[in-house]
Protein backbone atom coordinates (compact mmCIF):
# COMPACT_ATOMS: atom_id res chain seq x y z
CA MET A 1 71.20 126.18 64.29
CA SER A 2 69.33 129.10 62.71
CA THR A 3 66.30 128.68 60.46
CA SER A 4 68.27 129.94 57.46
CA ALA A 5 71.03 127.39 58.14
CA ILE A 6 68.49 124.56 58.25
CA LYS A 7 66.97 125.80 55.00
CA THR A 8 70.39 125.82 53.36
CA LYS A 9 71.04 122.27 54.57
CA ILE A 10 67.70 121.05 53.18
CA GLU A 11 68.34 122.72 49.82
CA GLN A 12 71.72 120.98 49.67
CA ILE A 13 70.12 117.62 50.48
CA LEU A 14 67.55 118.07 47.73
CA GLN A 15 70.35 118.96 45.35
CA ASN A 16 72.41 115.91 46.34
CA TYR A 17 69.61 113.37 46.23
CA ILE A 18 67.08 114.64 43.70
CA SER A 19 68.20 117.51 41.46
CA ILE A 20 71.50 115.83 40.62
CA GLU A 21 69.57 113.05 38.86
CA TRP A 22 67.70 115.50 36.63
CA GLU A 23 69.34 114.31 33.42
CA THR A 24 68.54 110.69 34.33
CA TYR A 25 64.87 111.55 34.77
CA VAL A 26 64.76 113.33 31.42
CA ASP A 27 66.56 110.50 29.62
CA LEU A 28 64.21 107.84 31.01
CA ALA A 29 61.15 109.96 30.14
CA LEU A 30 62.37 110.43 26.56
CA LYS A 31 62.73 106.65 26.25
CA GLY A 32 59.17 106.21 27.52
CA ASP A 33 60.41 104.35 30.60
CA LEU A 34 58.20 106.19 33.07
CA LEU A 35 58.29 103.25 35.48
CA SER A 36 62.06 103.44 35.94
CA MET A 37 61.92 107.21 36.19
CA GLU A 38 59.33 107.08 38.98
CA GLU A 39 61.18 104.30 40.82
CA THR A 40 64.44 106.26 40.68
CA LEU A 41 62.75 109.43 41.87
CA ARG A 42 60.98 107.62 44.70
CA CYS A 43 64.21 106.02 45.88
CA ASN A 44 65.98 109.37 45.87
CA ALA A 45 63.04 111.04 47.59
CA HIS A 46 63.26 108.45 50.37
CA TYR A 47 66.95 109.16 50.86
CA ALA A 48 66.23 112.89 50.87
CA MET A 49 63.38 112.50 53.37
CA THR A 50 65.62 110.50 55.69
CA ALA A 51 68.43 113.05 55.48
CA ILE A 52 66.09 116.02 56.00
CA THR A 53 64.48 114.43 59.05
CA ASP A 54 67.92 113.70 60.45
CA GLN A 55 69.04 117.30 59.97
CA VAL A 56 65.88 118.83 61.42
CA ILE A 57 65.99 116.71 64.59
CA LYS A 58 69.68 117.33 65.13
CA ALA A 59 69.17 121.06 64.56
CA VAL A 60 66.60 121.36 67.35
CA SER A 61 68.06 118.68 69.61
CA GLU A 62 70.05 120.91 71.97
CA GLU A 63 67.15 123.20 72.82
CA LEU A 64 64.69 120.31 72.88
CA LEU A 65 66.85 118.10 75.13
CA LYS A 66 67.34 120.86 77.71
CA TYR A 67 63.57 121.23 77.98
CA LEU A 68 63.01 117.45 78.23
CA GLU A 69 65.72 117.05 80.86
CA GLU A 70 64.25 119.79 83.03
CA GLU A 71 60.81 118.23 82.69
CA ALA A 72 62.20 114.81 83.63
CA HIS A 73 63.87 116.22 86.75
CA GLN A 74 60.59 117.80 87.80
CA LYS A 75 58.92 114.38 87.49
CA GLY A 76 61.46 112.87 89.86
CA HIS A 77 63.81 111.14 87.41
CA ARG A 78 67.51 111.02 88.30
CA ASN A 79 70.82 110.31 86.56
CA ILE A 80 70.01 111.59 83.08
CA GLU A 81 72.74 111.33 80.48
CA ARG A 82 73.11 111.92 76.74
CA ARG A 83 72.91 108.85 74.52
CA ASP A 84 72.22 108.35 70.83
CA LEU A 85 68.73 107.17 69.88
CA SER A 86 68.11 105.16 66.71
CA ILE A 87 64.81 105.95 64.98
CA ARG A 88 63.41 104.02 62.03
CA LEU A 89 61.53 106.31 59.67
CA SER A 90 58.65 105.63 57.29
CA THR A 91 61.20 105.09 54.50
CA GLY A 92 62.54 102.07 56.38
CA HIS A 93 65.88 103.80 56.96
CA TRP A 94 67.44 104.46 60.36
CA ILE A 95 68.70 107.75 61.70
CA LYS A 96 70.72 108.26 64.88
CA VAL A 97 70.10 111.38 66.94
CA PRO A 98 71.31 112.61 70.34
CA SER A 99 68.81 111.97 73.13
CA ALA A 100 68.49 112.29 76.89
CA TYR A 101 68.45 108.88 78.59
CA VAL A 102 67.05 108.26 82.07
CA LYS A 103 69.36 105.85 83.92
CA ARG A 104 67.28 105.91 87.12
CA PRO A 105 63.59 106.41 86.31
CA LYS A 106 61.08 107.25 88.98
CA LYS A 107 59.60 104.12 90.57
CA GLY A 108 56.56 102.87 88.68
CA ASP A 109 57.14 105.08 85.63
CA GLN A 110 56.56 103.22 82.34
CA SER A 111 57.72 105.99 80.00
CA PRO A 112 60.56 105.29 77.54
CA ARG A 113 63.96 105.93 79.05
CA HIS A 114 64.94 107.81 75.91
CA LEU A 115 63.10 111.12 76.40
CA LEU A 116 63.04 111.82 72.67
CA ALA A 117 61.20 108.52 72.10
CA GLY A 118 58.39 109.83 74.26
CA HIS A 119 58.48 113.30 72.75
CA PHE A 120 58.16 111.98 69.20
CA LYS A 121 55.62 109.30 70.23
CA LEU A 122 57.71 106.40 68.95
CA ILE A 123 56.54 102.82 69.22
CA GLY A 124 59.30 100.24 69.15
CA ASP A 125 61.87 102.82 67.91
CA SER A 126 59.61 103.42 64.88
CA SER A 127 58.26 106.76 63.77
CA PRO A 128 54.47 107.34 63.83
CA LEU A 129 54.16 107.23 60.04
CA LEU A 130 56.12 103.97 59.90
CA TYR A 131 54.09 102.15 62.53
CA SER A 132 50.87 103.49 61.02
CA ASN A 133 51.83 102.24 57.54
CA VAL A 134 53.09 98.89 58.83
CA ALA A 135 50.01 98.16 60.95
CA TYR A 136 47.71 99.30 58.14
CA SER A 137 49.44 97.03 55.62
CA SER A 138 49.36 94.09 58.05
CA MET A 139 45.62 94.42 58.53
CA ILE A 140 44.64 95.18 54.93
CA CYS A 141 46.67 92.24 53.55
CA PRO A 142 45.73 88.59 54.16
CA SER A 143 49.05 87.85 55.92
CA TYR A 144 52.13 89.48 57.44
CA GLU A 145 54.23 88.06 54.63
CA LEU A 146 52.17 89.81 51.98
CA ALA A 147 52.13 93.00 54.04
CA ASN A 148 55.94 92.95 54.06
CA GLU A 149 55.99 92.35 50.30
CA LEU A 150 53.60 95.28 49.80
CA LEU A 151 55.79 97.61 51.84
CA THR A 152 58.90 96.42 50.00
CA GLN A 153 57.17 97.01 46.68
CA PHE A 154 56.60 100.62 47.71
CA GLY A 155 60.22 101.11 48.64
CA VAL A 156 60.18 100.32 52.37
CA PRO A 157 62.41 97.26 52.92
CA LEU A 158 61.62 95.61 56.26
CA SER A 159 61.16 92.01 57.36
CA THR A 160 58.12 89.87 58.10
CA THR A 161 59.20 89.46 61.72
CA PHE A 162 59.53 93.22 62.15
CA VAL A 163 56.15 93.84 60.50
CA ARG A 164 54.42 91.35 62.79
CA SER A 165 56.12 92.60 65.93
CA LEU A 166 55.44 96.29 65.25
CA THR A 167 51.79 95.61 64.38
CA ASN A 168 51.32 93.81 67.67
CA GLU A 169 52.91 96.70 69.54
CA VAL A 170 50.51 99.16 67.91
CA ALA A 171 47.58 96.90 68.84
CA ASN A 172 48.82 96.78 72.44
CA LYS A 173 49.02 100.58 72.60
CA CYS A 174 45.46 100.89 71.29
CA GLU A 175 44.25 98.53 73.99
CA GLU A 176 46.10 100.47 76.68
CA ALA A 177 44.64 103.77 75.48
CA GLY A 178 41.13 102.28 75.32
CA GLU A 179 39.48 101.41 72.01
CA HIS A 180 36.41 103.56 72.68
CA HIS A 181 38.72 106.53 73.25
CA VAL A 182 40.93 106.22 70.17
CA GLN A 183 38.28 105.24 67.61
CA LEU A 184 35.93 108.19 68.11
CA GLU A 185 36.34 111.71 66.83
CA GLN A 186 36.37 114.52 69.35
CA ALA A 187 32.83 115.41 70.46
CA GLU A 188 31.37 112.63 68.29
CA CYS A 189 27.92 111.69 69.57
CA LEU A 190 24.59 110.17 68.54
CA ALA A 191 22.35 112.97 69.79
CA GLY A 192 19.38 113.57 67.50
CA LYS A 193 20.23 110.59 65.27
CA ARG A 194 18.44 107.40 64.24
CA VAL A 195 20.77 104.65 65.42
CA VAL A 196 21.08 101.00 64.41
CA ILE A 197 22.94 98.47 66.55
CA SER A 198 23.61 94.94 65.36
CA ILE A 199 25.71 92.09 66.70
CA ASP A 200 26.80 88.67 65.43
CA GLY A 201 29.62 86.16 65.65
CA GLY A 202 32.40 85.03 63.33
CA ARG A 203 35.02 82.29 63.59
CA SER A 204 38.77 82.16 64.14
CA ARG A 205 41.07 79.25 64.88
CA LEU A 206 43.08 79.65 68.04
CA ARG A 207 46.41 78.21 69.06
CA GLN A 208 45.84 76.52 72.44
CA TYR A 209 48.95 74.90 73.88
CA THR A 210 48.55 71.50 75.53
CA GLY A 211 51.70 71.60 77.68
CA LYS A 212 53.18 68.69 75.73
CA THR A 213 56.09 68.63 73.28
CA ASN A 214 56.66 66.62 70.10
CA ASP A 215 59.70 64.52 69.16
CA GLN A 216 61.55 67.62 67.99
CA GLY A 217 60.97 69.35 71.31
CA ASN A 218 58.44 71.83 69.96
CA ALA A 219 55.39 72.75 72.02
CA CYS A 220 52.17 71.02 70.94
CA TYR A 221 48.91 72.88 70.59
CA ASP A 222 45.28 72.34 69.59
CA THR A 223 43.64 74.47 66.89
CA GLY A 224 40.01 74.66 67.87
CA TRP A 225 37.53 77.19 66.54
CA LYS A 226 36.25 80.01 68.70
CA GLU A 227 33.58 82.61 67.98
CA PRO A 228 34.48 86.29 68.30
CA LYS A 229 31.43 88.53 68.79
CA LEU A 230 31.30 91.66 66.65
CA PHE A 231 28.95 94.62 67.02
CA VAL A 232 28.36 97.62 64.78
CA ILE A 233 26.84 101.00 65.51
CA GLU A 234 25.42 102.80 62.46
CA THR A 235 23.07 105.71 61.78
CA LEU A 236 20.14 105.98 59.35
CA ASP A 237 18.90 108.94 57.36
CA GLU A 238 15.21 109.79 57.06
CA ALA A 239 14.88 107.55 54.00
CA GLY A 240 16.10 104.54 55.97
CA ASN A 241 19.51 104.37 54.29
CA LEU A 242 22.80 104.09 56.16
CA LYS A 243 24.32 107.55 56.40
CA ARG A 244 27.36 107.76 54.14
CA GLU A 245 28.86 110.68 56.03
CA GLY A 246 28.64 108.78 59.31
CA LEU A 247 31.43 106.26 59.81
CA PRO A 248 30.39 102.95 61.39
CA ILE A 249 31.81 101.88 64.74
CA TYR A 250 32.86 98.26 65.28
CA GLY A 251 33.87 96.41 68.41
CA CYS A 252 34.91 92.78 68.84
CA ARG A 253 35.58 90.42 71.75
CA PHE A 254 35.45 86.67 72.37
CA SER A 255 33.62 86.89 75.68
CA GLU A 256 29.94 87.88 75.70
CA LYS A 257 30.55 89.88 78.88
CA ASP A 258 33.51 91.72 77.35
CA VAL A 259 31.81 92.60 74.05
CA LEU A 260 28.70 93.86 75.85
CA GLY A 261 30.87 95.88 78.23
CA LEU A 262 32.73 97.41 75.29
CA LEU A 263 29.45 98.23 73.55
CA LYS A 264 28.18 99.96 76.68
CA ASP A 265 31.39 102.02 76.92
CA TYR A 266 30.86 103.26 73.37
CA LEU A 267 27.18 104.02 73.89
CA LEU A 268 27.80 106.02 77.04
CA GLN A 269 30.57 108.05 75.41
CA LEU A 270 28.39 108.64 72.32
CA GLN A 271 25.45 109.83 74.47
CA ILE A 272 23.06 107.21 73.14
CA ASN A 273 20.41 108.50 75.56
CA GLN A 274 20.03 111.55 73.29
CA ALA A 275 19.35 109.53 70.12
CA THR A 276 15.88 109.97 68.63
CA GLN A 277 15.48 106.24 67.93
CA VAL A 278 17.51 103.05 68.44
CA GLN A 279 16.89 99.94 66.37
CA LEU A 280 18.38 96.64 67.55
CA ILE A 281 18.63 94.05 64.80
CA ALA A 282 20.13 90.56 65.04
CA ASP A 283 19.38 86.87 64.71
CA GLY A 284 17.67 84.88 67.44
CA ALA A 285 20.64 84.20 69.75
CA PRO A 286 19.22 84.47 73.30
CA TRP A 287 22.32 86.15 74.78
CA ILE A 288 21.83 89.07 72.37
CA TRP A 289 18.18 89.76 73.15
CA ASN A 290 18.62 89.13 76.87
CA ASN A 291 21.26 91.86 77.10
CA LEU A 292 20.99 94.56 74.43
CA LYS A 293 17.79 96.22 75.57
CA PRO A 294 18.82 96.25 79.28
CA ILE A 295 22.11 97.90 78.25
CA LEU A 296 20.23 100.65 76.41
CA LEU A 297 17.95 101.19 79.40
CA ASP A 298 20.99 101.39 81.70
CA CYS A 299 22.44 104.02 79.34
CA GLY A 300 19.33 106.15 79.80
CA VAL A 301 17.51 105.39 76.55
CA ALA A 302 13.73 105.68 76.94
CA GLU A 303 12.02 102.33 76.32
CA GLY A 304 9.71 103.92 73.77
CA LYS A 305 12.70 104.77 71.56
CA ILE A 306 13.91 101.15 71.36
CA ILE A 307 12.82 98.98 68.42
CA GLU A 308 13.82 95.30 68.43
CA THR A 309 14.01 93.59 65.04
CA LEU A 310 14.63 89.95 64.21
CA ASP A 311 16.63 89.62 61.01
CA TYR A 312 14.19 88.77 58.22
CA TYR A 313 16.46 86.18 56.62
CA HIS A 314 16.62 84.14 59.83
CA SER A 315 12.90 84.32 60.57
CA SER A 316 11.94 83.47 56.98
CA SER A 317 14.35 80.51 56.92
CA TYR A 318 12.48 78.98 59.87
CA MET A 319 9.23 79.57 58.03
CA TYR A 320 10.55 77.77 54.93
CA ASP A 321 11.81 74.88 57.07
CA LEU A 322 8.41 74.44 58.70
CA VAL A 323 6.85 74.07 55.25
CA ASP A 324 9.56 71.74 53.91
CA LEU A 325 9.27 69.41 56.91
CA MET A 326 5.49 69.03 56.74
CA PRO A 327 4.21 65.43 56.78
CA LYS A 328 3.89 63.54 53.47
CA ARG A 329 0.11 63.72 53.71
CA VAL A 330 0.40 67.43 52.92
CA SER A 331 0.54 67.71 49.13
CA GLN A 332 3.02 69.85 47.26
CA LYS A 333 0.22 72.17 46.14
CA GLN A 334 -1.00 72.60 49.72
CA ARG A 335 2.53 73.35 50.86
CA GLN A 336 2.79 76.11 48.26
CA LEU A 337 -0.46 77.59 49.53
CA TYR A 338 0.79 77.43 53.12
CA LEU A 339 4.07 79.06 52.11
CA ALA A 340 2.33 81.89 50.26
CA GLN A 341 0.12 82.63 53.27
CA PHE A 342 3.01 82.31 55.72
CA LYS A 343 4.98 84.92 53.77
CA VAL A 344 2.10 87.37 54.09
CA ASP A 345 1.66 86.60 57.79
CA LEU A 346 5.36 86.98 58.54
CA TRP A 347 5.61 90.28 56.69
CA ASP A 348 2.53 91.62 58.46
CA GLY A 349 4.01 90.76 61.85
CA GLN A 350 1.65 87.88 62.51
CA SER A 351 4.07 85.02 62.94
CA ASN A 352 1.74 83.73 65.66
CA LYS A 353 -0.69 82.73 62.88
CA ILE A 354 2.06 80.61 61.29
CA VAL A 355 2.55 78.85 64.62
CA GLU A 356 -1.17 78.17 65.03
CA VAL A 357 -1.43 76.61 61.56
CA CYS A 358 1.65 74.47 62.19
CA LYS A 359 0.19 73.18 65.44
CA GLN A 360 -2.74 71.84 63.40
CA VAL A 361 -0.56 70.38 60.64
CA TYR A 362 1.96 68.72 62.96
CA LYS A 363 -0.04 66.36 65.16
CA LYS A 364 3.09 65.10 66.94
CA PRO A 365 5.86 67.65 66.31
CA ASN A 366 9.42 66.50 67.01
CA LYS A 367 12.03 68.56 68.84
CA ILE A 368 13.17 70.38 65.70
CA ILE A 369 9.64 71.41 64.73
CA LYS A 370 8.95 72.56 68.27
CA ARG A 371 12.13 74.63 68.26
CA TYR A 372 11.17 76.31 64.99
CA MET A 373 7.68 77.14 66.23
CA ASN A 374 8.98 78.38 69.58
CA TYR A 375 11.44 80.58 67.72
CA LEU A 376 8.71 82.37 65.75
CA GLU A 377 6.42 82.54 68.76
CA LYS A 378 9.07 83.94 71.08
CA HIS A 379 10.14 86.66 68.63
CA HIS A 380 6.64 87.58 67.47
CA LEU A 381 6.98 91.25 68.46
CA LYS A 382 10.31 91.53 66.65
CA THR A 383 8.87 90.54 63.24
CA GLN A 384 6.77 93.60 62.40
CA TYR A 385 8.36 93.97 58.98
CA ALA A 386 5.54 95.94 57.33
CA ASP A 387 5.83 98.52 60.12
CA TYR A 388 9.60 98.64 59.75
CA GLU A 389 9.18 99.25 56.03
CA GLU A 390 6.68 102.04 56.62
CA ASN A 391 8.90 103.72 59.22
CA LYS A 392 12.04 103.52 57.05
CA LEU A 393 13.86 101.04 59.29
CA LEU A 394 16.07 98.07 58.46
CA LYS A 395 14.62 94.59 58.16
CA GLY A 396 17.81 92.59 57.77
CA SER A 397 21.16 92.43 59.56
CA GLY A 398 23.28 92.58 56.41
CA LEU A 399 25.37 95.37 57.92
CA ILE A 400 26.78 93.08 60.61
CA GLU A 401 26.96 90.02 58.34
CA SER A 402 29.11 92.10 55.99
CA GLY A 403 31.20 93.31 58.93
CA VAL A 404 31.88 89.77 60.14
CA ARG A 405 32.99 88.70 56.67
CA ARG A 406 35.22 91.70 55.97
CA ILE A 407 36.71 92.18 59.44
CA ILE A 408 37.02 88.64 60.77
CA ASN A 409 36.69 86.06 58.03
CA LEU A 410 38.75 87.64 55.26
CA ARG A 411 41.76 88.30 57.52
CA PHE A 412 41.59 85.97 60.51
CA LYS A 413 39.97 82.81 59.09
CA ASN A 414 42.68 81.83 56.62
CA THR A 415 43.61 78.20 56.05
CA SER A 416 46.29 76.90 58.46
CA THR A 417 46.29 80.17 60.39
CA PHE A 418 46.11 79.77 64.17
CA TRP A 419 46.00 82.76 66.49
CA ASN A 420 46.83 83.53 70.07
CA GLU A 421 43.52 84.57 71.61
CA LYS A 422 44.79 87.69 73.38
CA VAL A 423 46.74 88.83 70.32
CA VAL A 424 44.03 88.39 67.71
CA GLU A 425 41.42 90.09 69.90
CA LYS A 426 43.50 93.29 69.70
CA LEU A 427 44.11 92.87 65.97
CA TYR A 428 40.35 92.74 65.30
CA PHE A 429 40.25 96.37 66.40
CA LEU A 430 42.92 97.46 63.92
CA ARG A 431 41.22 95.65 61.05
CA ALA A 432 37.84 97.11 62.06
CA ALA A 433 39.27 100.64 62.10
CA ILE A 434 40.34 100.22 58.47
CA ILE A 435 37.02 98.75 57.33
CA ALA A 436 35.13 101.52 59.12
CA GLY A 437 37.26 104.23 57.49
CA ARG A 438 38.51 105.35 60.91
CA TRP A 439 42.22 104.56 60.58
CA ASN A 440 43.43 108.16 60.51
CA ILE A 441 41.19 109.01 63.47
CA VAL A 442 42.63 106.08 65.43
CA MET A 443 46.23 107.01 64.66
CA GLN A 444 45.77 110.69 65.51
CA ASN A 445 44.03 109.83 68.80
CA LEU A 446 46.57 107.13 69.65
CA ILE A 447 49.51 109.47 69.14
CA GLY A 448 47.77 112.10 71.23
CA GLN A 449 47.03 109.66 74.04
CA LEU A 450 50.29 107.71 74.25
CA ASN A 451 51.00 107.81 77.95
CA TYR A 452 54.61 109.01 77.91
């Protein structure tokens, strides 16, 4: 079909679905019923969009299918026939278009048998805009049910089951493509930047099947808590503020080994060895401090560029506890004097002085007191807060605490919500991409990297 013929068809569609309702729009506007006018126009626009897409694909199908069939033959596919392909568009409506179907695919090939499905980068017979909107809604809303209601409210009637299934398919495709490949912009790197890396854990309840069944024959499962580990990579400006033009990068896994491996993948791709400075900031979890610095060294970061920082809130809480738990013989006034001096010592990076005083106060410290003192003593070099202030560095890990709350807790820690471990681990990525402002980057990269 010629370009002029397609144009004529589109003009006719617009006339049939939109222009014909002109008097209705005017009448509703005169009555002040702008809501009904907009709803009517949106509904008609959806019908028009569906019809236009249908016409465009059918218009180019013959030429397109010949090319795809030749390409398929070159790849070793055999027995290719013409079959209709149903595609669900972002409007929620279906269209049916002619497609080439591979009856005998080459051994080991995982591409869709419908060649048009691969050409248009469909996922689950859904168009890219549909699966992007569905997955986005699923992750921004607190449940799949509300995501479906949101989509319905905006004129895209689906079902909760469909929304859940399609979101999981998108998450699977992101995992297959590699998170560190689809989340980053082309040529994005950390060269010449001041980088901050922080890591912490959240909580999600998992559905762990016991192998037993109840009286109704349904499978029984436990709902224990498990801690996903989340990291964030940010950049600082010269004033010590998080750069607004630089989008954060999040990664999340349940296993310590997996989350550290993912972090290393990102750092290597981002050329962390060319950063001017790298600040590590976290609480006192041993697995964090035992691994983060070695990872940076393995990535080629000079040791002199690495600054380790213990989150001030955590270190100060131990300081307060040491004062609160002092023996009764220490008066309230003396405790206040101790606390005032301890604050100065901690800020000046002299937590060792706090430990020395406590050793004198606590003649026979119990296990808890010993743990608190060991904590401050062990992390002495990571508590140089006055120096961090002077060098415009962070002193607290609020950036990762906020990430845990917004990415994990607000979506995956709902009451009576129990997740499959493998499924939710992939969904963390989708939610993180939204919170980081990287959704469009992820979708563009995913579509470009779908292995069809």
